[in-house]
Amino acid sequence: MTRLHSSSATLVVRTDFSGPASWERLRKVLATPNEDGFLSDIELVDDPCFAAETCAEARKLLPGDYRHPLLVLVDTVALGSLTGRSAAGPESVPGPMRTGGE
């Protein structure tokens, strides 16, 4: 079992590997500052060993010193919601976001 690592940034973990184009669109959106110049401090984790991880499973993979209040999983629902949307800016990311209550 591969564990997630500590980081000074919030981890954004890819758990769906069926849509490479959607993943690339999301990566572009996340790397684009908003209209106020804000850019999230995130670290993308793009490793197939985390494929199909659920929120409950991912929480167990966090190191004891992970201090961020947020862990982002990019799952089938998240990537599917980007289908057909432009990655030109933050408006490309649909809402509302789900939280890990599995």
N, C-alpha and C. Protein backbone atom coordinates (compact mmCIF):
# COMPACT_ATOMS: atom_id res chain seq x y z
N MET A 1 0.84 -1.18 0.00
CA MET A 1 0.00 0.00 0.00
C MET A 1 0.89 1.24 0.00
N THR A 2 0.69 2.10 -0.99
CA THR A 2 1.42 3.35 -1.09
C THR A 2 0.70 4.42 -0.28
N ARG A 3 1.47 5.15 0.52
CA ARG A 3 0.89 6.20 1.33
C ARG A 3 1.06 7.55 0.64
N LEU A 4 0.18 8.47 0.96
CA LEU A 4 0.34 9.84 0.51
C LEU A 4 1.48 10.47 1.31
N HIS A 5 2.03 11.54 0.82
CA HIS A 5 3.18 12.16 1.47
C HIS A 5 2.81 13.51 2.09
N SER A 6 3.66 13.96 2.97
CA SER A 6 3.49 15.30 3.54
C SER A 6 3.91 16.32 2.50
N SER A 7 3.31 17.48 2.57
CA SER A 7 3.62 18.55 1.64
C SER A 7 3.30 19.87 2.31
N SER A 8 3.95 20.91 1.87
CA SER A 8 3.61 22.24 2.38
C SER A 8 2.35 22.77 1.68
N ALA A 9 1.91 22.07 0.64
CA ALA A 9 0.72 22.46 -0.12
C ALA A 9 -0.40 21.44 0.13
N THR A 10 -1.61 21.83 -0.21
CA THR A 10 -2.75 20.91 -0.15
C THR A 10 -2.63 19.89 -1.28
N LEU A 11 -2.81 18.62 -0.96
CA LEU A 11 -2.72 17.58 -1.97
C LEU A 11 -4.02 17.48 -2.77
N VAL A 12 -3.87 17.37 -4.08
CA VAL A 12 -4.98 17.14 -5.01
C VAL A 12 -4.65 15.81 -5.68
N VAL A 13 -5.39 14.76 -5.30
CA VAL A 13 -5.05 13.39 -5.69
C VAL A 13 -5.98 12.90 -6.79
N ARG A 14 -5.41 12.51 -7.90
CA ARG A 14 -6.18 11.94 -9.01
C ARG A 14 -6.51 10.49 -8.69
N THR A 15 -7.80 10.16 -8.71
CA THR A 15 -8.22 8.78 -8.43
C THR A 15 -8.93 8.16 -9.63
N ASP A 16 -9.14 8.94 -10.69
CA ASP A 16 -9.76 8.42 -11.91
C ASP A 16 -8.78 8.62 -13.06
N PHE A 17 -8.48 7.55 -13.76
CA PHE A 17 -7.51 7.60 -14.85
C PHE A 17 -8.15 7.28 -16.20
N SER A 18 -9.48 7.41 -16.28
CA SER A 18 -10.18 7.09 -17.52
C SER A 18 -10.28 8.27 -18.47
N GLY A 19 -10.02 9.48 -18.00
CA GLY A 19 -10.20 10.67 -18.84
C GLY A 19 -9.00 11.58 -18.85
N PRO A 20 -7.94 11.24 -19.59
CA PRO A 20 -6.74 12.08 -19.58
C PRO A 20 -6.98 13.51 -20.06
N ALA A 21 -7.89 13.71 -21.01
CA ALA A 21 -8.16 15.07 -21.49
C ALA A 21 -8.81 15.91 -20.40
N SER A 22 -9.75 15.32 -19.65
CA SER A 22 -10.38 16.05 -18.54
C SER A 22 -9.37 16.38 -17.46
N TRP A 23 -8.48 15.47 -17.15
CA TRP A 23 -7.43 15.71 -16.16
C TRP A 23 -6.56 16.88 -16.60
N GLU A 24 -6.18 16.90 -17.86
CA GLU A 24 -5.35 18.00 -18.37
C GLU A 24 -6.07 19.33 -18.30
N ARG A 25 -7.38 19.34 -18.60
CA ARG A 25 -8.16 20.58 -18.47
C ARG A 25 -8.18 21.06 -17.02
N LEU A 26 -8.39 20.12 -16.10
CA LEU A 26 -8.41 20.49 -14.69
C LEU A 26 -7.05 21.01 -14.24
N ARG A 27 -5.98 20.36 -14.66
CA ARG A 27 -4.63 20.83 -14.32
C ARG A 27 -4.43 22.28 -14.78
N LYS A 28 -4.90 22.58 -15.98
CA LYS A 28 -4.75 23.93 -16.52
C LYS A 28 -5.54 24.93 -15.69
N VAL A 29 -6.77 24.58 -15.33
CA VAL A 29 -7.59 25.48 -14.50
C VAL A 29 -6.91 25.72 -13.16
N LEU A 30 -6.41 24.67 -12.54
CA LEU A 30 -5.79 24.80 -11.22
C LEU A 30 -4.49 25.60 -11.26
N ALA A 31 -3.85 25.68 -12.43
CA ALA A 31 -2.61 26.42 -12.59
C ALA A 31 -2.84 27.86 -13.05
N THR A 32 -4.11 28.25 -13.18
CA THR A 32 -4.44 29.59 -13.67
C THR A 32 -4.95 30.45 -12.51
N PRO A 33 -4.27 31.57 -12.24
CA PRO A 33 -4.77 32.46 -11.18
C PRO A 33 -6.16 32.99 -11.53
N ASN A 34 -6.96 33.29 -10.48
CA ASN A 34 -8.28 33.87 -10.73
C ASN A 34 -8.13 35.34 -11.10
N GLU A 35 -9.26 36.01 -11.30
CA GLU A 35 -9.23 37.41 -11.74
C GLU A 35 -8.55 38.35 -10.74
N ASP A 36 -8.45 37.92 -9.47
CA ASP A 36 -7.76 38.72 -8.46
C ASP A 36 -6.29 38.34 -8.32
N GLY A 37 -5.84 37.39 -9.12
CA GLY A 37 -4.45 36.95 -9.07
C GLY A 37 -4.19 35.83 -8.07
N PHE A 38 -5.26 35.32 -7.41
CA PHE A 38 -5.09 34.24 -6.43
C PHE A 38 -4.81 32.92 -7.14
N LEU A 39 -3.83 32.20 -6.62
CA LEU A 39 -3.51 30.86 -7.12
C LEU A 39 -3.37 29.95 -5.91
N SER A 40 -4.15 28.90 -5.88
CA SER A 40 -4.13 27.97 -4.75
C SER A 40 -2.76 27.31 -4.59
N ASP A 41 -2.38 27.09 -3.36
CA ASP A 41 -1.13 26.38 -3.05
C ASP A 41 -1.45 24.90 -2.98
N ILE A 42 -1.33 24.22 -4.11
CA ILE A 42 -1.68 22.81 -4.20
C ILE A 42 -0.52 22.01 -4.77
N GLU A 43 -0.56 20.73 -4.53
CA GLU A 43 0.38 19.79 -5.15
C GLU A 43 -0.44 18.68 -5.78
N LEU A 44 -0.28 18.49 -7.08
CA LEU A 44 -1.00 17.45 -7.78
C LEU A 44 -0.32 16.10 -7.58
N VAL A 45 -1.12 15.09 -7.28
CA VAL A 45 -0.63 13.72 -7.14
C VAL A 45 -1.28 12.92 -8.27
N ASP A 46 -0.47 12.55 -9.25
CA ASP A 46 -0.95 11.88 -10.46
C ASP A 46 -0.27 10.51 -10.53
N ASP A 47 -0.73 9.59 -9.69
CA ASP A 47 -0.11 8.27 -9.57
C ASP A 47 -1.20 7.21 -9.62
N PRO A 48 -1.13 6.30 -10.60
CA PRO A 48 -2.17 5.27 -10.73
C PRO A 48 -2.33 4.37 -9.50
N CYS A 49 -1.38 4.38 -8.60
CA CYS A 49 -1.56 3.55 -7.40
C CYS A 49 -2.73 4.05 -6.54
N PHE A 50 -3.21 5.28 -6.78
CA PHE A 50 -4.33 5.84 -6.04
C PHE A 50 -5.65 5.73 -6.81
N ALA A 51 -5.65 4.98 -7.91
CA ALA A 51 -6.86 4.80 -8.71
C ALA A 51 -7.98 4.21 -7.87
N ALA A 52 -9.16 4.79 -8.00
CA ALA A 52 -10.40 4.33 -7.36
C ALA A 52 -10.39 4.44 -5.83
N GLU A 53 -9.45 5.17 -5.25
CA GLU A 53 -9.47 5.38 -3.79
C GLU A 53 -10.71 6.18 -3.41
N THR A 54 -11.32 5.81 -2.32
CA THR A 54 -12.45 6.56 -1.78
C THR A 54 -11.92 7.56 -0.75
N CYS A 55 -12.79 8.44 -0.30
CA CYS A 55 -12.38 9.40 0.73
C CYS A 55 -11.90 8.68 1.99
N ALA A 56 -12.65 7.68 2.41
CA ALA A 56 -12.28 6.94 3.62
C ALA A 56 -10.92 6.26 3.46
N GLU A 57 -10.70 5.67 2.31
CA GLU A 57 -9.42 5.01 2.06
C GLU A 57 -8.27 6.01 2.01
N ALA A 58 -8.50 7.13 1.34
CA ALA A 58 -7.46 8.15 1.20
C ALA A 58 -7.08 8.74 2.55
N ARG A 59 -8.04 8.95 3.42
CA ARG A 59 -7.72 9.49 4.76
C ARG A 59 -6.77 8.56 5.50
N LYS A 60 -6.93 7.26 5.31
CA LYS A 60 -6.04 6.29 5.97
C LYS A 60 -4.63 6.32 5.40
N LEU A 61 -4.47 6.86 4.21
CA LEU A 61 -3.16 6.92 3.55
C LEU A 61 -2.39 8.19 3.86
N LEU A 62 -3.03 9.13 4.58
CA LEU A 62 -2.35 10.37 4.93
C LEU A 62 -1.32 10.14 6.02
N PRO A 63 -0.18 10.81 5.93
CA PRO A 63 0.81 10.70 7.00
C PRO A 63 0.31 11.40 8.26
N GLY A 64 0.83 11.01 9.39
CA GLY A 64 0.41 11.59 10.66
C GLY A 64 0.66 13.08 10.76
N ASP A 65 1.62 13.59 10.00
CA ASP A 65 1.95 15.02 10.08
C ASP A 65 1.26 15.85 8.98
N TYR A 66 0.26 15.29 8.30
CA TYR A 66 -0.49 16.06 7.30
C TYR A 66 -1.38 17.04 8.05
N ARG A 67 -1.11 18.33 7.91
CA ARG A 67 -1.78 19.34 8.73
C ARG A 67 -2.80 20.19 7.98
N HIS A 68 -3.04 19.88 6.72
CA HIS A 68 -3.99 20.69 5.96
C HIS A 68 -5.42 20.29 6.31
N PRO A 69 -6.33 21.25 6.32
CA PRO A 69 -7.73 20.92 6.61
C PRO A 69 -8.44 20.33 5.40
N LEU A 70 -7.72 20.18 4.29
CA LEU A 70 -8.33 19.77 3.04
C LEU A 70 -7.47 18.74 2.33
N LEU A 71 -8.13 17.73 1.80
CA LEU A 71 -7.52 16.76 0.89
C LEU A 71 -8.49 16.67 -0.27
N VAL A 72 -8.02 16.92 -1.50
CA VAL A 72 -8.88 16.93 -2.67
C VAL A 72 -8.67 15.65 -3.46
N LEU A 73 -9.77 14.92 -3.70
CA LEU A 73 -9.73 13.74 -4.57
C LEU A 73 -10.41 14.09 -5.88
N VAL A 74 -9.72 13.82 -6.97
CA VAL A 74 -10.28 14.06 -8.30
C VAL A 74 -10.76 12.70 -8.81
N ASP A 75 -12.06 12.47 -8.65
CA ASP A 75 -12.64 11.17 -8.98
C ASP A 75 -13.42 11.22 -10.29
N THR A 76 -14.13 10.15 -10.60
CA THR A 76 -14.90 10.04 -11.83
C THR A 76 -15.93 11.16 -11.94
N VAL A 77 -16.60 11.48 -10.85
CA VAL A 77 -17.62 12.54 -10.86
C VAL A 77 -16.97 13.89 -11.17
N ALA A 78 -15.86 14.18 -10.52
CA ALA A 78 -15.18 15.46 -10.74
C ALA A 78 -14.71 15.60 -12.19
N LEU A 79 -14.06 14.58 -12.72
CA LEU A 79 -13.57 14.66 -14.09
C LEU A 79 -14.72 14.65 -15.09
N GLY A 80 -15.75 13.88 -14.82
CA GLY A 80 -16.90 13.83 -15.71
C GLY A 80 -17.62 15.16 -15.80
N SER A 81 -17.59 15.93 -14.73
CA SER A 81 -18.27 17.21 -14.72
C SER A 81 -17.55 18.24 -15.59
N LEU A 82 -16.32 17.96 -15.98
CA LEU A 82 -15.56 18.88 -16.83
C LEU A 82 -15.75 18.60 -18.31
N THR A 83 -16.40 17.52 -18.65
CA THR A 83 -16.57 17.15 -20.05
C THR A 83 -17.23 18.27 -20.83
N GLY A 84 -16.57 18.67 -21.89
CA GLY A 84 -17.12 19.70 -22.76
C GLY A 84 -16.96 21.11 -22.26
N ARG A 85 -16.27 21.30 -21.16
CA ARG A 85 -16.08 22.66 -20.64
C ARG A 85 -14.69 23.16 -21.00
N SER A 86 -14.58 24.44 -21.16
CA SER A 86 -13.30 25.06 -21.46
C SER A 86 -12.47 25.16 -20.20
N ALA A 87 -11.16 25.05 -20.36
CA ALA A 87 -10.26 25.23 -19.22
C ALA A 87 -9.65 26.62 -19.24
N ALA A 88 -10.39 27.58 -19.75
CA ALA A 88 -9.87 28.94 -19.89
C ALA A 88 -9.76 29.67 -18.57
N GLY A 89 -10.48 29.22 -17.56
CA GLY A 89 -10.42 29.93 -16.29
C GLY A 89 -11.25 29.25 -15.23
N PRO A 90 -11.28 29.81 -14.02
CA PRO A 90 -11.97 29.19 -12.89
C PRO A 90 -13.44 28.92 -13.13
N GLU A 91 -14.08 29.64 -14.04
CA GLU A 91 -15.49 29.37 -14.29
C GLU A 91 -15.70 27.98 -14.89
N SER A 92 -14.62 27.33 -15.31
CA SER A 92 -14.71 25.99 -15.87
C SER A 92 -14.99 24.94 -14.81
N VAL A 93 -14.70 25.25 -13.57
CA VAL A 93 -14.89 24.27 -12.51
C VAL A 93 -16.30 24.35 -11.99
N PRO A 94 -17.08 23.27 -12.14
CA PRO A 94 -18.47 23.30 -11.72
C PRO A 94 -18.61 23.24 -10.20
N GLY A 95 -19.74 23.64 -9.68
CA GLY A 95 -20.02 23.52 -8.27
C GLY A 95 -21.34 22.80 -8.12
N PRO A 96 -21.79 22.42 -7.01
CA PRO A 96 -21.03 22.50 -5.76
C PRO A 96 -20.04 21.36 -5.64
N MET A 97 -19.08 21.53 -4.74
CA MET A 97 -18.10 20.48 -4.53
C MET A 97 -18.60 19.52 -3.47
N ARG A 98 -18.17 18.28 -3.59
CA ARG A 98 -18.54 17.27 -2.61
C ARG A 98 -17.47 17.20 -1.53
N THR A 99 -17.87 16.82 -0.34
CA THR A 99 -16.91 16.57 0.72
C THR A 99 -16.95 15.10 1.08
N GLY A 100 -15.89 14.65 1.75
CA GLY A 100 -15.69 13.22 1.97
C GLY A 100 -16.53 12.56 3.04
N GLY A 101 -17.80 12.43 2.85
CA GLY A 101 -18.64 11.75 3.82
C GLY A 101 -19.13 10.41 3.29
N GLU A 102 -18.21 9.47 3.09
CA GLU A 102 -18.63 8.17 2.57
C GLU A 102 -18.97 7.22 3.68
